Amino acid sequence: MIIRGMNLPLIIVCIVIVLALIILPLIVSYKAEKKEKYNKNEWDKIKEYANKLNNKTREK
């Protein structure tokens, strides 16, 4: 159902904009999750360092 007075290019542009608004955030969040998986945050680094120290003291 095409609304009278709206031409086809305007409808296509609107559809493209809607799809872009749906797809772009998904892509950005996917990349952020992927990056977060490989980069450790500060708390993870602290935990690893503490575990390393604990293992050294337990061995003594």
PDB file of N, CA and C in Angstrom:
ATOM      1  N   MET A   1       0.838  -1.165   0.000  1.00  0.00           N
ATOM      2  CA  MET A   1       0.000   0.000   0.000  1.00  0.00           C
ATOM      3  C   MET A   1       0.892   1.240   0.000  1.00  0.00           C
ATOM      4  N   ILE A   2       0.920   1.904  -1.108  1.00  0.00           N
ATOM      5  CA  ILE A   2       1.722   3.117  -1.238  1.00  0.00           C
ATOM      6  C   ILE A   2       0.820   4.314  -0.969  1.00  0.00           C
ATOM      7  N   ILE A   3       1.272   5.172  -0.087  1.00  0.00           N
ATOM      8  CA  ILE A   3       0.499   6.365   0.243  1.00  0.00           C
ATOM      9  C   ILE A   3       0.562   7.319  -0.937  1.00  0.00           C
ATOM     10  N   ARG A   4      -0.580   7.858  -1.313  1.00  0.00           N
ATOM     11  CA  ARG A   4      -0.617   8.752  -2.467  1.00  0.00           C
ATOM     12  C   ARG A   4       0.168  10.025  -2.179  1.00  0.00           C
ATOM     13  N   GLY A   5       0.881  10.463  -3.146  1.00  0.00           N
ATOM     14  CA  GLY A   5       1.656  11.679  -3.013  1.00  0.00           C
ATOM     15  C   GLY A   5       3.113  11.412  -2.622  1.00  0.00           C
ATOM     16  N   MET A   6       3.424  10.214  -2.131  1.00  0.00           N
ATOM     17  CA  MET A   6       4.812   9.878  -1.805  1.00  0.00           C
ATOM     18  C   MET A   6       5.393   9.128  -2.998  1.00  0.00           C
ATOM     19  N   ASN A   7       6.515   9.586  -3.461  1.00  0.00           N
ATOM     20  CA  ASN A   7       7.106   8.894  -4.593  1.00  0.00           C
ATOM     21  C   ASN A   7       7.996   7.757  -4.105  1.00  0.00           C
ATOM     22  N   LEU A   8       8.339   6.869  -5.006  1.00  0.00           N
ATOM     23  CA  LEU A   8       9.077   5.659  -4.686  1.00  0.00           C
ATOM     24  C   LEU A   8      10.459   5.939  -4.084  1.00  0.00           C
ATOM     25  N   PRO A   9      11.252   6.864  -4.590  1.00  0.00           N
ATOM     26  CA  PRO A   9      12.570   7.106  -3.974  1.00  0.00           C
ATOM     27  C   PRO A   9      12.481   7.536  -2.509  1.00  0.00           C
ATOM     28  N   LEU A  10      11.464   8.319  -2.167  1.00  0.00           N
ATOM     29  CA  LEU A  10      11.302   8.744  -0.778  1.00  0.00           C
ATOM     30  C   LEU A  10      11.009   7.548   0.115  1.00  0.00           C
ATOM     31  N   ILE A  11      10.193   6.645  -0.340  1.00  0.00           N
ATOM     32  CA  ILE A  11       9.864   5.439   0.432  1.00  0.00           C
ATOM     33  C   ILE A  11      11.110   4.575   0.601  1.00  0.00           C
ATOM     34  N   ILE A  12      11.883   4.416  -0.460  1.00  0.00           N
ATOM     35  CA  ILE A  12      13.103   3.609  -0.400  1.00  0.00           C
ATOM     36  C   ILE A  12      14.101   4.224   0.579  1.00  0.00           C
ATOM     37  N   VAL A  13      14.249   5.538   0.542  1.00  0.00           N
ATOM     38  CA  VAL A  13      15.164   6.220   1.467  1.00  0.00           C
ATOM     39  C   VAL A  13      14.707   6.013   2.906  1.00  0.00           C
ATOM     40  N   CYS A  14      13.429   6.099   3.159  1.00  0.00           N
ATOM     41  CA  CYS A  14      12.915   5.878   4.517  1.00  0.00           C
ATOM     42  C   CYS A  14      13.193   4.453   4.994  1.00  0.00           C
ATOM     43  N   ILE A  15      13.016   3.486   4.126  1.00  0.00           N
ATOM     44  CA  ILE A  15      13.277   2.091   4.474  1.00  0.00           C
ATOM     45  C   ILE A  15      14.762   1.889   4.764  1.00  0.00           C
ATOM     46  N   VAL A  16      15.629   2.488   3.963  1.00  0.00           N
ATOM     47  CA  VAL A  16      17.068   2.372   4.175  1.00  0.00           C
ATOM     48  C   VAL A  16      17.469   2.997   5.506  1.00  0.00           C
ATOM     49  N   ILE A  17      16.900   4.133   5.830  1.00  0.00           N
ATOM     50  CA  ILE A  17      17.215   4.800   7.104  1.00  0.00           C
ATOM     51  C   ILE A  17      16.775   3.936   8.283  1.00  0.00           C
ATOM     52  N   VAL A  18      15.591   3.370   8.199  1.00  0.00           N
ATOM     53  CA  VAL A  18      15.092   2.507   9.280  1.00  0.00           C
ATOM     54  C   VAL A  18      15.993   1.286   9.434  1.00  0.00           C
ATOM     55  N   LEU A  19      16.370   0.663   8.340  1.00  0.00           N
ATOM     56  CA  LEU A  19      17.261  -0.500   8.415  1.00  0.00           C
ATOM     57  C   LEU A  19      18.620  -0.115   9.000  1.00  0.00           C
ATOM     58  N   ALA A  20      19.138   1.037   8.615  1.00  0.00           N
ATOM     59  CA  ALA A  20      20.424   1.495   9.147  1.00  0.00           C
ATOM     60  C   ALA A  20      20.335   1.731  10.647  1.00  0.00           C
ATOM     61  N   LEU A  21      19.224   2.296  11.106  1.00  0.00           N
ATOM     62  CA  LEU A  21      19.055   2.547  12.540  1.00  0.00           C
ATOM     63  C   LEU A  21      18.928   1.253  13.332  1.00  0.00           C
ATOM     64  N   ILE A  22      18.511   0.180  12.694  1.00  0.00           N
ATOM     65  CA  ILE A  22      18.402  -1.108  13.375  1.00  0.00           C
ATOM     66  C   ILE A  22      19.734  -1.860  13.315  1.00  0.00           C
ATOM     67  N   ILE A  23      20.379  -1.861  12.165  1.00  0.00           N
ATOM     68  CA  ILE A  23      21.568  -2.691  11.955  1.00  0.00           C
ATOM     69  C   ILE A  23      22.834  -2.069  12.541  1.00  0.00           C
ATOM     70  N   LEU A  24      23.034  -0.772  12.426  1.00  0.00           N
ATOM     71  CA  LEU A  24      24.273  -0.148  12.901  1.00  0.00           C
ATOM     72  C   LEU A  24      24.521  -0.349  14.401  1.00  0.00           C
ATOM     73  N   PRO A  25      23.538  -0.171  15.278  1.00  0.00           N
ATOM     74  CA  PRO A  25      23.806  -0.440  16.696  1.00  0.00           C
ATOM     75  C   PRO A  25      24.179  -1.899  16.968  1.00  0.00           C
ATOM     76  N   LEU A  26      23.591  -2.816  16.215  1.00  0.00           N
ATOM     77  CA  LEU A  26      23.942  -4.227  16.375  1.00  0.00           C
ATOM     78  C   LEU A  26      25.398  -4.479  16.015  1.00  0.00           C
ATOM     79  N   ILE A  27      25.858  -3.858  14.939  1.00  0.00           N
ATOM     80  CA  ILE A  27      27.242  -4.022  14.517  1.00  0.00           C
ATOM     81  C   ILE A  27      28.189  -3.414  15.546  1.00  0.00           C
ATOM     82  N   VAL A  28      27.857  -2.239  16.036  1.00  0.00           N
ATOM     83  CA  VAL A  28      28.713  -1.566  17.015  1.00  0.00           C
ATOM     84  C   VAL A  28      28.800  -2.382  18.303  1.00  0.00           C
ATOM     85  N   SER A  29      27.683  -2.893  18.780  1.00  0.00           N
ATOM     86  CA  SER A  29      27.707  -3.677  20.017  1.00  0.00           C
ATOM     87  C   SER A  29      28.455  -4.992  19.824  1.00  0.00           C
ATOM     88  N   TYR A  30      28.330  -5.601  18.657  1.00  0.00           N
ATOM     89  CA  TYR A  30      29.059  -6.837  18.376  1.00  0.00           C
ATOM     90  C   TYR A  30      30.563  -6.592  18.415  1.00  0.00           C
ATOM     91  N   LYS A  31      31.003  -5.510  17.794  1.00  0.00           N
ATOM     92  CA  LYS A  31      32.425  -5.180  17.802  1.00  0.00           C
ATOM     93  C   LYS A  31      32.915  -4.873  19.207  1.00  0.00           C
ATOM     94  N   ALA A  32      32.091  -4.202  20.005  1.00  0.00           N
ATOM     95  CA  ALA A  32      32.486  -3.871  21.383  1.00  0.00           C
ATOM     96  C   ALA A  32      32.616  -5.143  22.224  1.00  0.00           C
ATOM     97  N   GLU A  33      31.700  -6.074  22.066  1.00  0.00           N
ATOM     98  CA  GLU A  33      31.789  -7.327  22.800  1.00  0.00           C
ATOM     99  C   GLU A  33      33.006  -8.126  22.385  1.00  0.00           C
ATOM    100  N   LYS A  34      33.272  -8.135  21.099  1.00  0.00           N
ATOM    101  CA  LYS A  34      34.432  -8.866  20.595  1.00  0.00           C
ATOM    102  C   LYS A  34      35.722  -8.255  21.131  1.00  0.00           C
ATOM    103  N   LYS A  35      35.785  -6.935  21.158  1.00  0.00           N
ATOM    104  CA  LYS A  35      36.964  -6.244  21.667  1.00  0.00           C
ATOM    105  C   LYS A  35      37.119  -6.497  23.166  1.00  0.00           C
ATOM    106  N   GLU A  36      36.010  -6.480  23.891  1.00  0.00           N
ATOM    107  CA  GLU A  36      36.044  -6.689  25.341  1.00  0.00           C
ATOM    108  C   GLU A  36      36.520  -8.095  25.673  1.00  0.00           C
ATOM    109  N   LYS A  37      36.191  -9.041  24.818  1.00  0.00           N
ATOM    110  CA  LYS A  37      36.587 -10.421  25.058  1.00  0.00           C
ATOM    111  C   LYS A  37      38.110 -10.560  25.037  1.00  0.00           C
ATOM    112  N   TYR A  38      38.764  -9.833  24.142  1.00  0.00           N
ATOM    113  CA  TYR A  38      40.213  -9.952  24.004  1.00  0.00           C
ATOM    114  C   TYR A  38      40.966  -9.022  24.951  1.00  0.00           C
ATOM    115  N   ASN A  39      40.410  -7.895  25.283  1.00  0.00           N
ATOM    116  CA  ASN A  39      41.065  -6.955  26.185  1.00  0.00           C
ATOM    117  C   ASN A  39      40.550  -7.166  27.599  1.00  0.00           C
ATOM    118  N   LYS A  40      41.474  -7.370  28.505  1.00  0.00           N
ATOM    119  CA  LYS A  40      41.085  -7.566  29.900  1.00  0.00           C
ATOM    120  C   LYS A  40      40.957  -6.212  30.563  1.00  0.00           C
ATOM    121  N   ASN A  41      40.009  -6.114  31.463  1.00  0.00           N
ATOM    122  CA  ASN A  41      39.868  -4.867  32.184  1.00  0.00           C
ATOM    123  C   ASN A  41      40.814  -4.877  33.389  1.00  0.00           C
ATOM    124  N   GLU A  42      40.849  -3.807  34.105  1.00  0.00           N
ATOM    125  CA  GLU A  42      41.802  -3.655  35.207  1.00  0.00           C
ATOM    126  C   GLU A  42      41.561  -4.676  36.315  1.00  0.00           C
ATOM    127  N   TRP A  43      40.296  -4.971  36.606  1.00  0.00           N
ATOM    128  CA  TRP A  43      40.010  -5.910  37.681  1.00  0.00           C
ATOM    129  C   TRP A  43      40.521  -7.304  37.342  1.00  0.00           C
ATOM    130  N   ASP A  44      40.399  -7.712  36.086  1.00  0.00           N
ATOM    131  CA  ASP A  44      40.915  -9.020  35.687  1.00  0.00           C
ATOM    132  C   ASP A  44      42.428  -9.071  35.822  1.00  0.00           C
ATOM    133  N   LYS A  45      43.103  -7.977  35.468  1.00  0.00           N
ATOM    134  CA  LYS A  45      44.556  -7.928  35.611  1.00  0.00           C
ATOM    135  C   LYS A  45      44.958  -8.028  37.077  1.00  0.00           C
ATOM    136  N   ILE A  46      44.211  -7.350  37.952  1.00  0.00           N
ATOM    137  CA  ILE A  46      44.504  -7.395  39.383  1.00  0.00           C
ATOM    138  C   ILE A  46      44.295  -8.814  39.925  1.00  0.00           C
ATOM    139  N   LYS A  47      43.219  -9.469  39.496  1.00  0.00           N
ATOM    140  CA  LYS A  47      42.955 -10.841  39.942  1.00  0.00           C
ATOM    141  C   LYS A  47      44.079 -11.776  39.519  1.00  0.00           C
ATOM    142  N   GLU A  48      44.526 -11.655  38.272  1.00  0.00           N
ATOM    143  CA  GLU A  48      45.608 -12.514  37.795  1.00  0.00           C
ATOM    144  C   GLU A  48      46.890 -12.273  38.587  1.00  0.00           C
ATOM    145  N   TYR A  49      47.203 -11.024  38.858  1.00  0.00           N
ATOM    146  CA  TYR A  49      48.406 -10.703  39.611  1.00  0.00           C
ATOM    147  C   TYR A  49      48.309 -11.237  41.041  1.00  0.00           C
ATOM    148  N   ALA A  50      47.148 -11.106  41.652  1.00  0.00           N
ATOM    149  CA  ALA A  50      46.951 -11.612  43.015  1.00  0.00           C
ATOM    150  C   ALA A  50      47.070 -13.131  43.035  1.00  0.00           C
ATOM    151  N   ASN A  51      46.498 -13.802  42.062  1.00  0.00           N
ATOM    152  CA  ASN A  51      46.614 -15.257  41.991  1.00  0.00           C
ATOM    153  C   ASN A  51      48.059 -15.687  41.793  1.00  0.00           C
ATOM    154  N   LYS A  52      48.778 -14.943  41.002  1.00  0.00           N
ATOM    155  CA  LYS A  52      50.193 -15.241  40.771  1.00  0.00           C
ATOM    156  C   LYS A  52      50.980 -15.102  42.072  1.00  0.00           C
ATOM    157  N   LEU A  53      50.745 -14.032  42.823  1.00  0.00           N
ATOM    158  CA  LEU A  53      51.413 -13.847  44.105  1.00  0.00           C
ATOM    159  C   LEU A  53      51.022 -14.931  45.106  1.00  0.00           C
ATOM    160  N   ASN A  54      49.743 -15.272  45.136  1.00  0.00           N
ATOM    161  CA  ASN A  54      49.296 -16.314  46.047  1.00  0.00           C
ATOM    162  C   ASN A  54      49.950 -17.648  45.732  1.00  0.00           C
ATOM    163  N   ASN A  55      50.058 -17.972  44.468  1.00  0.00           N
ATOM    164  CA  ASN A  55      50.697 -19.235  44.091  1.00  0.00           C
ATOM    165  C   ASN A  55      52.171 -19.237  44.482  1.00  0.00           C
ATOM    166  N   LYS A  56      52.847 -18.111  44.338  1.00  0.00           N
ATOM    167  CA  LYS A  56      54.268 -18.030  44.724  1.00  0.00           C
ATOM    168  C   LYS A  56      54.427 -18.231  46.233  1.00  0.00           C
ATOM    169  N   THR A  57      53.563 -17.614  47.032  1.00  0.00           N
ATOM    170  CA  THR A  57      53.676 -17.740  48.481  1.00  0.00           C
ATOM    171  C   THR A  57      53.283 -19.126  48.965  1.00  0.00           C
ATOM    172  N   ARG A  58      52.383 -19.761  48.289  1.00  0.00           N
ATOM    173  CA  ARG A  58      51.986 -21.131  48.664  1.00  0.00           C
ATOM    174  C   ARG A  58      53.101 -22.129  48.380  1.00  0.00           C
ATOM    175  N   GLU A  59      53.868 -21.881  47.344  1.00  0.00           N
ATOM    176  CA  GLU A  59      54.964 -22.786  46.983  1.00  0.00           C
ATOM    177  C   GLU A  59      56.102 -22.725  47.982  1.00  0.00           C
ATOM    178  N   LYS A  60      56.264 -21.618  48.673  1.00  0.00           N
ATOM    179  CA  LYS A  60      57.385 -21.476  49.612  1.00  0.00           C
ATOM    180  C   LYS A  60      57.221 -22.311  50.836  1.00  0.00           C
TER     181      LYS A  60
END
